[in-house]
């Protein structure tokens, strides 16, 4: 599925549902998804860190992904987390998610434990391989668990070069202010999930300015 429409609103991460024996509870999974959609979510994200992705086998990941995407059936966009430290495996997971109907994939930068970190050229090549294998966008998950620092300059360069958005609010705000992008790119990215937080941050700044102006007038 390929879509250039902007995504706006709340996209909660869906927990993976288990039964009392620790096995997947797919009926419970479907009820959880329905609850989030019925509550007004504009989209959902599955198999993320909050979804306990690292305790799932590859077979279980595929079962959850297929069950959720089939059950959602296009009612809202679904972001599928496809994180893996190997670019070929991450690309294969991402292609499978795309073929099943994912609107976007979310991926952490590659990491190998707490101290073995990948340098920026390797991270760039990793996301290039993943992005080039897909038609749908890739969200870069700037998660502390990866232990991999991502500078704003580097994130901006990847945003210009790949079909990516970023989950970090402050860095996306910087990107919105400083990246030289085409009007078409700006229009597309303005609605991406990575930009939503910057809209809220700008709104808070405007409210603070208004409160300061009000205090000055009262004094």
N, C-alpha and C. Protein backbone atom coordinates (compact mmCIF):
# COMPACT_ATOMS: atom_id res chain seq x y z
N UNK A 1 0.84 -1.18 0.00
CA UNK A 1 0.00 0.00 0.00
C UNK A 1 0.88 1.23 0.00
N UNK A 2 0.68 2.13 -0.93
CA UNK A 2 1.44 3.35 -1.00
C UNK A 2 0.52 4.52 -0.79
N UNK A 3 0.89 5.42 0.11
CA UNK A 3 0.07 6.59 0.38
C UNK A 3 0.95 7.77 0.69
N UNK A 4 0.66 8.93 0.03
CA UNK A 4 1.36 10.15 0.33
C UNK A 4 0.54 11.09 1.20
N UNK A 5 -0.61 10.62 1.69
CA UNK A 5 -1.46 11.50 2.49
C UNK A 5 -0.79 11.76 3.83
N UNK A 6 -0.99 12.97 4.38
CA UNK A 6 -0.41 13.24 5.69
C UNK A 6 -1.13 12.49 6.79
N UNK A 7 -0.38 12.10 7.81
CA UNK A 7 -0.96 11.44 8.96
C UNK A 7 -0.94 12.41 10.14
N UNK A 8 -2.10 12.60 10.75
CA UNK A 8 -2.22 13.51 11.88
C UNK A 8 -3.00 12.83 13.00
N UNK A 9 -2.78 13.30 14.23
CA UNK A 9 -3.58 12.82 15.34
C UNK A 9 -2.82 11.88 16.26
N UNK A 10 -3.57 11.05 16.96
CA UNK A 10 -3.01 10.16 17.98
C UNK A 10 -2.83 8.76 17.41
N UNK A 11 -1.61 8.23 17.49
CA UNK A 11 -1.28 6.89 17.02
C UNK A 11 -0.70 6.11 18.21
N UNK A 12 -1.52 5.54 19.08
CA UNK A 12 -0.99 4.85 20.26
C UNK A 12 -0.29 3.54 19.89
N UNK A 13 0.66 3.17 20.74
CA UNK A 13 1.30 1.86 20.60
C UNK A 13 0.41 0.81 21.23
N UNK A 14 0.16 -0.25 20.50
CA UNK A 14 -0.73 -1.33 20.96
C UNK A 14 0.08 -2.36 21.74
N UNK A 15 -0.31 -2.69 22.97
CA UNK A 15 0.39 -3.76 23.69
C UNK A 15 0.11 -5.11 23.03
N UNK A 16 1.06 -6.02 23.15
CA UNK A 16 0.81 -7.40 22.73
C UNK A 16 0.08 -8.11 23.87
N UNK A 17 -1.00 -8.80 23.55
CA UNK A 17 -1.85 -9.42 24.56
C UNK A 17 -1.50 -10.91 24.70
N UNK A 18 -1.24 -11.34 25.95
CA UNK A 18 -0.92 -12.73 26.24
C UNK A 18 -1.98 -13.31 27.17
N UNK A 19 -2.12 -14.63 27.15
CA UNK A 19 -3.00 -15.27 28.12
C UNK A 19 -2.22 -15.60 29.39
N UNK A 20 -2.86 -16.24 30.34
CA UNK A 20 -2.22 -16.52 31.63
C UNK A 20 -1.04 -17.47 31.51
N UNK A 21 -0.96 -18.19 30.39
CA UNK A 21 0.16 -19.12 30.20
C UNK A 21 1.31 -18.49 29.43
N UNK A 22 1.15 -17.23 29.03
CA UNK A 22 2.20 -16.55 28.28
C UNK A 22 2.11 -16.74 26.79
N UNK A 23 1.03 -17.33 26.32
CA UNK A 23 0.83 -17.50 24.88
C UNK A 23 0.07 -16.30 24.31
N UNK A 24 0.17 -16.10 23.01
CA UNK A 24 -0.55 -15.01 22.37
C UNK A 24 -2.05 -15.19 22.56
N UNK A 25 -2.73 -14.09 22.88
CA UNK A 25 -4.18 -14.09 23.01
C UNK A 25 -4.73 -13.22 21.86
N UNK A 26 -5.00 -13.83 20.74
CA UNK A 26 -5.37 -13.07 19.55
C UNK A 26 -6.77 -12.46 19.67
N UNK A 27 -7.67 -13.14 20.37
CA UNK A 27 -8.99 -12.54 20.59
C UNK A 27 -8.85 -11.28 21.45
N UNK A 28 -8.03 -11.37 22.49
CA UNK A 28 -7.77 -10.20 23.31
C UNK A 28 -7.06 -9.11 22.52
N UNK A 29 -6.17 -9.52 21.62
CA UNK A 29 -5.47 -8.55 20.77
C UNK A 29 -6.46 -7.77 19.90
N UNK A 30 -7.40 -8.46 19.33
CA UNK A 30 -8.39 -7.79 18.47
C UNK A 30 -9.28 -6.86 19.30
N UNK A 31 -9.65 -7.28 20.49
CA UNK A 31 -10.47 -6.41 21.35
C UNK A 31 -9.70 -5.15 21.74
N UNK A 32 -8.42 -5.31 22.00
CA UNK A 32 -7.59 -4.15 22.36
C UNK A 32 -7.51 -3.16 21.20
N UNK A 33 -7.31 -3.68 20.01
CA UNK A 33 -7.26 -2.82 18.82
C UNK A 33 -8.59 -2.11 18.60
N UNK A 34 -9.69 -2.84 18.74
CA UNK A 34 -11.01 -2.23 18.57
C UNK A 34 -11.23 -1.12 19.59
N UNK A 35 -10.79 -1.35 20.83
CA UNK A 35 -10.95 -0.34 21.87
C UNK A 35 -10.22 0.95 21.49
N UNK A 36 -8.99 0.82 21.00
CA UNK A 36 -8.21 2.01 20.64
C UNK A 36 -8.84 2.76 19.47
N UNK A 37 -9.33 2.02 18.48
CA UNK A 37 -9.97 2.67 17.34
C UNK A 37 -11.28 3.31 17.75
N UNK A 38 -12.08 2.58 18.53
CA UNK A 38 -13.37 3.12 18.99
C UNK A 38 -13.18 4.35 19.87
N UNK A 39 -12.04 4.42 20.58
CA UNK A 39 -11.77 5.56 21.45
C UNK A 39 -11.35 6.80 20.66
N UNK A 40 -11.16 6.65 19.35
CA UNK A 40 -10.88 7.82 18.53
C UNK A 40 -9.46 7.92 17.99
N UNK A 41 -8.66 6.87 18.12
CA UNK A 41 -7.29 6.92 17.60
C UNK A 41 -7.31 7.07 16.08
N UNK A 42 -6.45 7.94 15.56
CA UNK A 42 -6.36 8.13 14.11
C UNK A 42 -5.49 7.07 13.44
N UNK A 43 -4.79 6.28 14.22
CA UNK A 43 -3.95 5.21 13.72
C UNK A 43 -3.38 4.45 14.90
N UNK A 44 -2.67 3.36 14.65
CA UNK A 44 -2.06 2.59 15.73
C UNK A 44 -0.68 2.13 15.30
N UNK A 45 0.12 1.75 16.29
CA UNK A 45 1.46 1.21 16.04
C UNK A 45 1.58 -0.11 16.77
N UNK A 46 2.07 -1.13 16.10
CA UNK A 46 2.18 -2.46 16.71
C UNK A 46 3.63 -2.93 16.72
N UNK A 47 3.90 -3.90 17.59
CA UNK A 47 5.18 -4.59 17.71
C UNK A 47 6.32 -3.65 18.10
N UNK A 48 5.99 -2.59 18.84
CA UNK A 48 7.00 -1.65 19.32
C UNK A 48 7.61 -2.14 20.64
N UNK A 49 8.47 -1.31 21.24
CA UNK A 49 9.10 -1.72 22.50
C UNK A 49 8.05 -1.92 23.59
N UNK A 50 7.07 -1.01 23.66
CA UNK A 50 5.98 -1.17 24.63
C UNK A 50 5.17 -2.43 24.35
N UNK A 51 5.19 -2.89 23.10
CA UNK A 51 4.50 -4.12 22.72
C UNK A 51 5.30 -5.37 23.06
N UNK A 52 6.43 -5.18 23.75
CA UNK A 52 7.30 -6.30 24.14
C UNK A 52 7.81 -7.06 22.93
N UNK A 53 8.24 -6.29 21.91
CA UNK A 53 8.68 -6.94 20.67
C UNK A 53 9.84 -7.90 20.87
N UNK A 54 10.70 -7.64 21.84
CA UNK A 54 11.90 -8.46 21.99
C UNK A 54 11.64 -9.80 22.69
N UNK A 55 10.44 -9.99 23.21
CA UNK A 55 10.13 -11.30 23.82
C UNK A 55 9.35 -12.19 22.85
N UNK A 56 9.12 -11.71 21.64
CA UNK A 56 8.36 -12.47 20.66
C UNK A 56 9.30 -13.20 19.71
N UNK A 57 8.94 -14.42 19.36
CA UNK A 57 9.66 -15.12 18.30
C UNK A 57 9.29 -14.50 16.95
N UNK A 58 10.08 -14.82 15.93
CA UNK A 58 9.75 -14.31 14.59
C UNK A 58 8.37 -14.79 14.15
N UNK A 59 8.06 -16.04 14.47
CA UNK A 59 6.75 -16.58 14.10
C UNK A 59 5.63 -15.82 14.82
N UNK A 60 5.84 -15.51 16.11
CA UNK A 60 4.82 -14.77 16.85
C UNK A 60 4.66 -13.35 16.32
N UNK A 61 5.75 -12.72 15.95
CA UNK A 61 5.66 -11.38 15.35
C UNK A 61 4.78 -11.41 14.11
N UNK A 62 5.00 -12.40 13.25
CA UNK A 62 4.22 -12.49 12.02
C UNK A 62 2.74 -12.76 12.34
N UNK A 63 2.48 -13.59 13.33
CA UNK A 63 1.10 -13.91 13.71
C UNK A 63 0.39 -12.64 14.19
N UNK A 64 1.04 -11.87 15.07
CA UNK A 64 0.44 -10.64 15.59
C UNK A 64 0.22 -9.64 14.46
N UNK A 65 1.23 -9.47 13.61
CA UNK A 65 1.12 -8.50 12.52
C UNK A 65 -0.03 -8.86 11.58
N UNK A 66 -0.11 -10.12 11.20
CA UNK A 66 -1.17 -10.52 10.28
C UNK A 66 -2.55 -10.38 10.94
N UNK A 67 -2.64 -10.79 12.21
CA UNK A 67 -3.93 -10.72 12.90
C UNK A 67 -4.42 -9.28 13.02
N UNK A 68 -3.51 -8.36 13.38
CA UNK A 68 -3.91 -6.96 13.55
C UNK A 68 -4.25 -6.31 12.22
N UNK A 69 -3.39 -6.49 11.23
CA UNK A 69 -3.64 -5.84 9.93
C UNK A 69 -4.92 -6.38 9.29
N UNK A 70 -5.15 -7.68 9.40
CA UNK A 70 -6.39 -8.24 8.85
C UNK A 70 -7.60 -7.71 9.60
N UNK A 71 -7.47 -7.57 10.92
CA UNK A 71 -8.61 -7.13 11.72
C UNK A 71 -8.90 -5.64 11.52
N UNK A 72 -7.85 -4.83 11.42
CA UNK A 72 -8.05 -3.40 11.18
C UNK A 72 -8.67 -3.17 9.81
N UNK A 73 -8.19 -3.92 8.82
CA UNK A 73 -8.79 -3.91 7.48
C UNK A 73 -8.94 -2.49 6.91
N UNK A 74 -7.90 -1.68 7.13
CA UNK A 74 -7.91 -0.35 6.51
C UNK A 74 -8.70 0.70 7.26
N UNK A 75 -9.25 0.37 8.43
CA UNK A 75 -10.03 1.39 9.17
C UNK A 75 -9.18 2.57 9.58
N UNK A 76 -7.95 2.31 9.99
CA UNK A 76 -6.99 3.37 10.31
C UNK A 76 -5.62 2.91 9.80
N UNK A 77 -4.68 3.85 9.61
CA UNK A 77 -3.32 3.43 9.23
C UNK A 77 -2.65 2.67 10.38
N UNK A 78 -1.86 1.68 10.01
CA UNK A 78 -1.13 0.89 11.00
C UNK A 78 0.37 1.01 10.73
N UNK A 79 1.10 1.43 11.77
CA UNK A 79 2.56 1.46 11.71
C UNK A 79 3.07 0.17 12.34
N UNK A 80 3.97 -0.51 11.64
CA UNK A 80 4.53 -1.76 12.14
C UNK A 80 6.01 -1.55 12.46
N UNK A 81 6.39 -1.87 13.67
CA UNK A 81 7.81 -1.79 14.05
C UNK A 81 8.53 -3.02 13.51
N UNK A 82 9.62 -2.78 12.79
CA UNK A 82 10.36 -3.87 12.14
C UNK A 82 11.83 -3.86 12.54
N UNK A 83 12.14 -3.32 13.69
CA UNK A 83 13.52 -3.14 14.15
C UNK A 83 14.31 -4.45 14.15
N UNK A 84 15.52 -4.38 13.61
CA UNK A 84 16.50 -5.46 13.71
C UNK A 84 17.86 -4.85 13.43
N UNK A 85 18.93 -5.38 14.05
CA UNK A 85 20.24 -4.76 13.82
C UNK A 85 20.87 -5.13 12.49
N UNK A 86 20.30 -6.10 11.77
CA UNK A 86 20.78 -6.46 10.44
C UNK A 86 19.91 -5.80 9.39
N UNK A 87 20.51 -5.04 8.48
CA UNK A 87 19.73 -4.30 7.48
C UNK A 87 18.93 -5.23 6.58
N UNK A 88 19.49 -6.38 6.22
CA UNK A 88 18.78 -7.29 5.32
C UNK A 88 17.54 -7.87 6.00
N UNK A 89 17.67 -8.22 7.29
CA UNK A 89 16.52 -8.77 8.02
C UNK A 89 15.47 -7.69 8.25
N UNK A 90 15.92 -6.48 8.62
CA UNK A 90 14.99 -5.38 8.82
C UNK A 90 14.25 -5.05 7.52
N UNK A 91 14.97 -5.05 6.40
CA UNK A 91 14.33 -4.78 5.11
C UNK A 91 13.32 -5.87 4.77
N UNK A 92 13.65 -7.12 5.05
CA UNK A 92 12.72 -8.22 4.76
C UNK A 92 11.48 -8.11 5.64
N UNK A 93 11.65 -7.82 6.92
CA UNK A 93 10.50 -7.62 7.81
C UNK A 93 9.63 -6.47 7.31
N UNK A 94 10.29 -5.39 6.87
CA UNK A 94 9.56 -4.21 6.43
C UNK A 94 8.78 -4.48 5.15
N UNK A 95 9.39 -5.21 4.21
CA UNK A 95 8.67 -5.57 2.98
C UNK A 95 7.46 -6.44 3.29
N UNK A 96 7.63 -7.36 4.22
CA UNK A 96 6.50 -8.21 4.61
C UNK A 96 5.38 -7.37 5.20
N UNK A 97 5.73 -6.39 6.05
CA UNK A 97 4.72 -5.51 6.63
C UNK A 97 4.02 -4.71 5.55
N UNK A 98 4.77 -4.22 4.59
CA UNK A 98 4.18 -3.46 3.48
C UNK A 98 3.21 -4.34 2.69
N UNK A 99 3.63 -5.56 2.39
CA UNK A 99 2.78 -6.46 1.61
C UNK A 99 1.48 -6.80 2.35
N UNK A 100 1.53 -6.81 3.69
CA UNK A 100 0.34 -7.13 4.47
C UNK A 100 -0.57 -5.92 4.67
N UNK A 101 -0.09 -4.73 4.29
CA UNK A 101 -0.95 -3.56 4.37
C UNK A 101 -0.53 -2.48 5.34
N UNK A 102 0.71 -2.53 5.87
CA UNK A 102 1.18 -1.49 6.78
C UNK A 102 1.27 -0.16 6.05
N UNK A 103 0.94 0.92 6.76
CA UNK A 103 1.04 2.26 6.18
C UNK A 103 2.44 2.83 6.32
N UNK A 104 3.19 2.34 7.29
CA UNK A 104 4.53 2.85 7.59
C UNK A 104 5.22 1.82 8.47
N UNK A 105 6.56 1.82 8.44
CA UNK A 105 7.31 1.00 9.39
C UNK A 105 8.11 1.91 10.32
N UNK A 106 8.31 1.47 11.54
CA UNK A 106 9.11 2.21 12.51
C UNK A 106 10.33 1.37 12.86
N UNK A 107 11.52 2.00 12.84
CA UNK A 107 12.77 1.26 12.99
C UNK A 107 13.73 2.05 13.87
N UNK A 108 14.30 1.39 14.86
CA UNK A 108 15.38 1.98 15.64
C UNK A 108 16.68 1.86 14.86
N UNK A 109 17.66 2.73 15.13
CA UNK A 109 18.97 2.56 14.50
C UNK A 109 19.59 1.25 14.96
N UNK A 110 20.47 0.67 14.16
CA UNK A 110 21.07 -0.61 14.54
C UNK A 110 21.94 -0.45 15.79
N UNK A 111 21.87 -1.42 16.68
CA UNK A 111 22.70 -1.42 17.87
C UNK A 111 23.00 -2.85 18.28
N UNK A 112 24.11 -3.04 18.96
CA UNK A 112 24.54 -4.38 19.36
C UNK A 112 24.88 -4.33 20.85
N UNK A 113 23.88 -4.45 21.70
CA UNK A 113 24.12 -4.36 23.12
C UNK A 113 24.23 -2.92 23.59
N UNK A 114 24.70 -2.75 24.80
CA UNK A 114 24.69 -1.42 25.43
C UNK A 114 25.87 -0.55 25.02
N UNK A 115 26.98 -1.14 24.60
CA UNK A 115 28.19 -0.34 24.36
C UNK A 115 28.71 -0.39 22.92
N UNK A 116 28.30 -1.37 22.13
CA UNK A 116 28.77 -1.46 20.74
C UNK A 116 27.87 -0.60 19.87
N UNK A 117 28.36 0.54 19.46
CA UNK A 117 27.54 1.49 18.71
C UNK A 117 28.01 1.59 17.27
N UNK A 118 27.05 1.80 16.39
CA UNK A 118 27.33 1.93 14.96
C UNK A 118 27.59 3.40 14.65
N UNK A 119 28.61 3.68 13.87
CA UNK A 119 28.93 5.06 13.48
C UNK A 119 27.90 5.58 12.48
N UNK A 120 27.86 6.91 12.31
CA UNK A 120 26.84 7.51 11.45
C UNK A 120 26.85 6.98 10.01
N UNK A 121 28.01 6.77 9.38
CA UNK A 121 27.96 6.20 8.01
C UNK A 121 27.24 4.85 7.95
N UNK A 122 27.46 4.02 8.97
CA UNK A 122 26.79 2.72 9.00
C UNK A 122 25.30 2.85 9.24
N UNK A 123 24.90 3.80 10.10
CA UNK A 123 23.48 4.03 10.35
C UNK A 123 22.81 4.54 9.08
N UNK A 124 23.47 5.48 8.40
CA UNK A 124 22.91 6.02 7.16
C UNK A 124 22.71 4.91 6.13
N UNK A 125 23.72 4.05 5.97
CA UNK A 125 23.62 2.96 5.00
C UNK A 125 22.52 1.99 5.40
N UNK A 126 22.38 1.73 6.71
CA UNK A 126 21.33 0.84 7.19
C UNK A 126 19.96 1.36 6.77
N UNK A 127 19.67 2.63 7.05
CA UNK A 127 18.36 3.17 6.70
C UNK A 127 18.19 3.33 5.19
N UNK A 128 19.29 3.54 4.47
CA UNK A 128 19.18 3.61 3.01
C UNK A 128 18.74 2.27 2.44
N UNK A 129 19.32 1.18 2.95
CA UNK A 129 18.95 -0.16 2.47
C UNK A 129 17.47 -0.44 2.77
N UNK A 130 17.04 -0.12 3.98
CA UNK A 130 15.64 -0.36 4.35
C UNK A 130 14.70 0.49 3.52
N UNK A 131 15.01 1.79 3.41
CA UNK A 131 14.13 2.71 2.68
C UNK A 131 14.04 2.35 1.20
N UNK A 132 15.18 1.99 0.60
CA UNK A 132 15.19 1.67 -0.83
C UNK A 132 14.41 0.41 -1.16
N UNK A 133 14.15 -0.41 -0.16
CA UNK A 133 13.43 -1.67 -0.41
C UNK A 133 11.91 -1.50 -0.33
N UNK A 134 11.45 -0.28 0.00
CA UNK A 134 10.04 -0.06 0.30
C UNK A 134 9.45 1.06 -0.54
N UNK A 135 8.10 1.06 -0.63
CA UNK A 135 7.36 2.20 -1.17
C UNK A 135 6.75 3.03 -0.06
N UNK A 136 6.55 2.44 1.12
CA UNK A 136 5.95 3.17 2.24
C UNK A 136 7.06 3.87 3.04
N UNK A 137 6.70 4.88 3.85
CA UNK A 137 7.72 5.61 4.61
C UNK A 137 8.30 4.80 5.76
N UNK A 138 9.47 5.27 6.21
CA UNK A 138 10.16 4.70 7.36
C UNK A 138 10.22 5.77 8.44
N UNK A 139 9.76 5.44 9.66
CA UNK A 139 9.92 6.33 10.80
C UNK A 139 11.15 5.91 11.58
N UNK A 140 12.08 6.84 11.79
CA UNK A 140 13.26 6.57 12.60
C UNK A 140 12.86 6.71 14.06
N UNK A 141 12.96 5.62 14.80
CA UNK A 141 12.61 5.65 16.22
C UNK A 141 13.84 6.00 17.03
N UNK A 142 13.90 7.23 17.50
CA UNK A 142 15.03 7.70 18.29
C UNK A 142 14.80 7.31 19.75
N UNK A 143 14.97 6.04 20.04
CA UNK A 143 14.62 5.49 21.35
C UNK A 143 15.87 5.34 22.21
N UNK A 144 15.81 5.74 23.49
CA UNK A 144 16.98 5.60 24.37
C UNK A 144 17.49 4.17 24.48
N UNK A 145 16.59 3.18 24.33
CA UNK A 145 17.01 1.79 24.49
C UNK A 145 18.06 1.40 23.47
N UNK A 146 18.09 2.07 22.31
CA UNK A 146 19.08 1.74 21.30
C UNK A 146 20.48 2.15 21.73
N UNK A 147 20.60 3.16 22.60
CA UNK A 147 21.92 3.60 23.04
C UNK A 147 22.75 4.22 21.95
N UNK A 148 22.12 4.62 20.84
CA UNK A 148 22.85 5.17 19.70
C UNK A 148 22.49 6.64 19.56
N UNK A 149 23.43 7.56 19.79
CA UNK A 149 23.11 8.99 19.66
C UNK A 149 22.90 9.38 18.20
N UNK A 150 21.85 10.17 17.96
CA UNK A 150 21.53 10.63 16.62
C UNK A 150 21.49 12.16 16.65
N UNK A 151 22.47 12.81 16.05
CA UNK A 151 22.52 14.27 16.08
C UNK A 151 21.44 14.85 15.17
N UNK A 152 21.05 16.09 15.44
CA UNK A 152 20.02 16.71 14.61
C UNK A 152 20.51 16.92 13.18
N UNK A 153 21.78 17.25 13.01
CA UNK A 153 22.31 17.42 11.65
C UNK A 153 22.22 16.12 10.87
N UNK A 154 22.55 15.03 11.54
CA UNK A 154 22.52 13.73 10.88
C UNK A 154 21.09 13.32 10.54
N UNK A 155 20.15 13.54 11.47
CA UNK A 155 18.75 13.23 11.21
C UNK A 155 18.22 14.06 10.05
N UNK A 156 18.60 15.33 9.99
CA UNK A 156 18.15 16.19 8.90
C UNK A 156 18.69 15.69 7.57
N UNK A 157 19.94 15.23 7.55
CA UNK A 157 20.52 14.71 6.30
C UNK A 157 19.78 13.46 5.85
N UNK A 158 19.46 12.58 6.79
CA UNK A 158 18.70 11.39 6.42
C UNK A 158 17.30 11.75 5.94
N UNK A 159 16.69 12.75 6.56
CA UNK A 159 15.34 13.15 6.13
C UNK A 159 15.35 13.67 4.70
N UNK A 160 16.43 14.33 4.31
CA UNK A 160 16.52 14.83 2.94
C UNK A 160 16.81 13.72 1.94
N UNK A 161 17.44 12.64 2.42
CA UNK A 161 17.92 11.60 1.50
C UNK A 161 17.03 10.38 1.42
N UNK A 162 16.24 10.12 2.47
CA UNK A 162 15.44 8.90 2.53
C UNK A 162 13.99 9.24 2.82
N UNK A 163 13.11 8.25 2.63
CA UNK A 163 11.68 8.42 2.96
C UNK A 163 11.51 8.22 4.46
N UNK A 164 11.99 9.17 5.27
CA UNK A 164 11.96 8.98 6.71
C UNK A 164 11.30 10.14 7.41
N UNK A 165 10.73 9.85 8.58
CA UNK A 165 10.35 10.87 9.55
C UNK A 165 10.97 10.47 10.88
N UNK A 166 10.91 11.37 11.86
CA UNK A 166 11.62 11.14 13.12
C UNK A 166 10.65 11.27 14.28
N UNK A 167 10.85 10.44 15.32
CA UNK A 167 9.91 10.47 16.42
C UNK A 167 10.27 11.49 17.49
N UNK A 168 11.48 12.02 17.48
CA UNK A 168 11.88 12.96 18.52
C UNK A 168 11.29 14.33 18.27
N UNK A 169 10.58 14.88 19.25
CA UNK A 169 9.87 16.14 19.09
C UNK A 169 10.83 17.30 18.86
N UNK A 170 11.84 17.44 19.70
CA UNK A 170 12.71 18.60 19.60
C UNK A 170 13.50 18.58 18.30
N UNK A 171 13.92 17.40 17.88
CA UNK A 171 14.71 17.32 16.67
C UNK A 171 13.86 17.61 15.44
N UNK A 172 12.60 17.17 15.47
CA UNK A 172 11.73 17.47 14.34
C UNK A 172 11.44 18.95 14.27
N UNK A 173 11.33 19.59 15.42
CA UNK A 173 11.11 21.03 15.43
C UNK A 173 12.30 21.74 14.78
N UNK A 174 13.52 21.26 15.12
CA UNK A 174 14.72 21.81 14.50
C UNK A 174 14.69 21.58 12.99
N UNK A 175 14.29 20.38 12.59
CA UNK A 175 14.27 20.06 11.17
C UNK A 175 13.29 20.95 10.44
N UNK A 176 12.13 21.21 11.04
CA UNK A 176 11.12 22.05 10.40
C UNK A 176 11.65 23.46 10.17
N UNK A 177 12.49 23.94 11.11
CA UNK A 177 12.97 25.31 11.02
C UNK A 177 14.15 25.43 10.07
N UNK A 178 14.97 24.38 9.94
CA UNK A 178 16.26 24.53 9.28
C UNK A 178 16.44 23.76 7.98
N UNK A 179 15.71 22.70 7.74
CA UNK A 179 15.95 21.89 6.54
C UNK A 179 15.46 22.62 5.29
N UNK A 180 16.29 22.64 4.28
CA UNK A 180 15.90 23.22 3.00
C UNK A 180 15.26 22.13 2.16
N UNK A 181 13.94 22.08 2.16
CA UNK A 181 13.22 21.06 1.41
C UNK A 181 12.32 21.71 0.38
N UNK A 182 11.91 20.93 -0.60
CA UNK A 182 11.01 21.45 -1.62
C UNK A 182 9.63 21.67 -1.03
N UNK A 183 8.82 22.47 -1.70
CA UNK A 183 7.47 22.72 -1.20
C UNK A 183 6.67 21.43 -1.15
N UNK A 184 6.93 20.52 -2.06
CA UNK A 184 6.22 19.24 -2.04
C UNK A 184 6.63 18.43 -0.83
N UNK A 185 7.94 18.40 -0.51
CA UNK A 185 8.41 17.68 0.67
C UNK A 185 7.85 18.31 1.93
N UNK A 186 7.86 19.64 2.00
CA UNK A 186 7.34 20.30 3.19
C UNK A 186 5.87 19.96 3.39
N UNK A 187 5.10 19.95 2.28
CA UNK A 187 3.68 19.66 2.40
C UNK A 187 3.46 18.23 2.86
N UNK A 188 4.28 17.31 2.35
CA UNK A 188 4.13 15.91 2.73
C UNK A 188 4.52 15.70 4.18
N UNK A 189 5.68 16.27 4.59
CA UNK A 189 6.20 16.02 5.92
C UNK A 189 5.44 16.76 7.00
N UNK A 190 4.75 17.84 6.64
CA UNK A 190 4.06 18.62 7.66
C UNK A 190 3.05 17.78 8.41
N UNK A 191 2.49 16.78 7.73
CA UNK A 191 1.50 15.94 8.39
C UNK A 191 2.05 14.64 8.92
N UNK A 192 3.36 14.41 8.80
CA UNK A 192 3.89 13.13 9.25
C UNK A 192 3.90 13.07 10.77
N UNK A 193 3.94 11.87 11.29
CA UNK A 193 3.87 11.70 12.74
C UNK A 193 5.03 12.38 13.43
N UNK A 194 6.19 12.38 12.79
CA UNK A 194 7.34 12.99 13.41
C UNK A 194 7.20 14.48 13.62
N UNK A 195 6.28 15.12 12.92
CA UNK A 195 6.11 16.56 13.04
C UNK A 195 5.02 16.94 14.01
N UNK A 196 4.22 15.99 14.44
CA UNK A 196 3.06 16.33 15.24
C UNK A 196 3.46 17.00 16.55
N UNK A 197 4.52 16.47 17.17
CA UNK A 197 4.96 17.04 18.43
C UNK A 197 5.42 18.48 18.27
N UNK A 198 6.05 18.83 17.15
CA UNK A 198 6.53 20.19 16.97
C UNK A 198 5.36 21.15 16.86
N UNK A 199 4.23 20.69 16.29
CA UNK A 199 3.05 21.54 16.25
C UNK A 199 2.59 21.87 17.66
N UNK A 200 2.58 20.85 18.55
CA UNK A 200 2.18 21.09 19.92
C UNK A 200 3.16 22.02 20.62
N UNK A 201 4.47 21.83 20.36
CA UNK A 201 5.46 22.66 21.00
C UNK A 201 5.31 24.12 20.56
N UNK A 202 5.07 24.33 19.25
CA UNK A 202 4.86 25.68 18.77
C UNK A 202 3.62 26.29 19.40
N UNK A 203 2.58 25.47 19.58
CA UNK A 203 1.36 25.97 20.20
C UNK A 203 1.60 26.41 21.63
N UNK A 204 2.40 25.63 22.37
CA UNK A 204 2.72 26.02 23.74
C UNK A 204 3.49 27.32 23.77
N UNK A 205 4.43 27.50 22.82
CA UNK A 205 5.20 28.74 22.78
C UNK A 205 4.29 29.93 22.53
N UNK A 206 3.33 29.75 21.61
CA UNK A 206 2.40 30.85 21.33
C UNK A 206 1.58 31.18 22.56
N UNK A 207 1.12 30.15 23.31
CA UNK A 207 0.34 30.40 24.50
C UNK A 207 1.16 31.13 25.57
N UNK A 208 2.45 30.75 25.70
CA UNK A 208 3.29 31.45 26.66
C UNK A 208 3.47 32.91 26.29
N UNK A 209 3.66 33.18 24.98
CA UNK A 209 3.81 34.57 24.54
C UNK A 209 2.54 35.36 24.83
N UNK A 210 1.40 34.73 24.59
CA UNK A 210 0.13 35.42 24.84
C UNK A 210 -0.03 35.72 26.33
N UNK A 211 0.35 34.78 27.20
CA UNK A 211 0.24 35.03 28.64
C UNK A 211 1.15 36.17 29.07
N UNK A 212 2.38 36.23 28.51
CA UNK A 212 3.28 37.33 28.84
C UNK A 212 2.70 38.67 28.39
N UNK A 213 2.12 38.69 27.18
CA UNK A 213 1.50 39.93 26.68
C UNK A 213 0.36 40.36 27.58
N UNK A 214 -0.44 39.36 28.03
CA UNK A 214 -1.57 39.71 28.91
C UNK A 214 -1.07 40.31 30.23
N UNK A 215 0.01 39.74 30.79
CA UNK A 215 0.52 40.27 32.05
C UNK A 215 1.04 41.69 31.88
N UNK A 216 1.69 41.95 30.71
CA UNK A 216 2.18 43.30 30.48
C UNK A 216 1.04 44.31 30.41
N UNK A 217 -0.04 43.90 29.74
CA UNK A 217 -1.17 44.83 29.61
C UNK A 217 -1.81 45.10 30.97
N UNK A 218 -1.87 44.05 31.82
CA UNK A 218 -2.47 44.23 33.13
C UNK A 218 -1.61 45.10 34.03
N UNK A 219 -0.31 45.05 33.85
CA UNK A 219 0.56 45.86 34.68
C UNK A 219 0.63 47.30 34.19
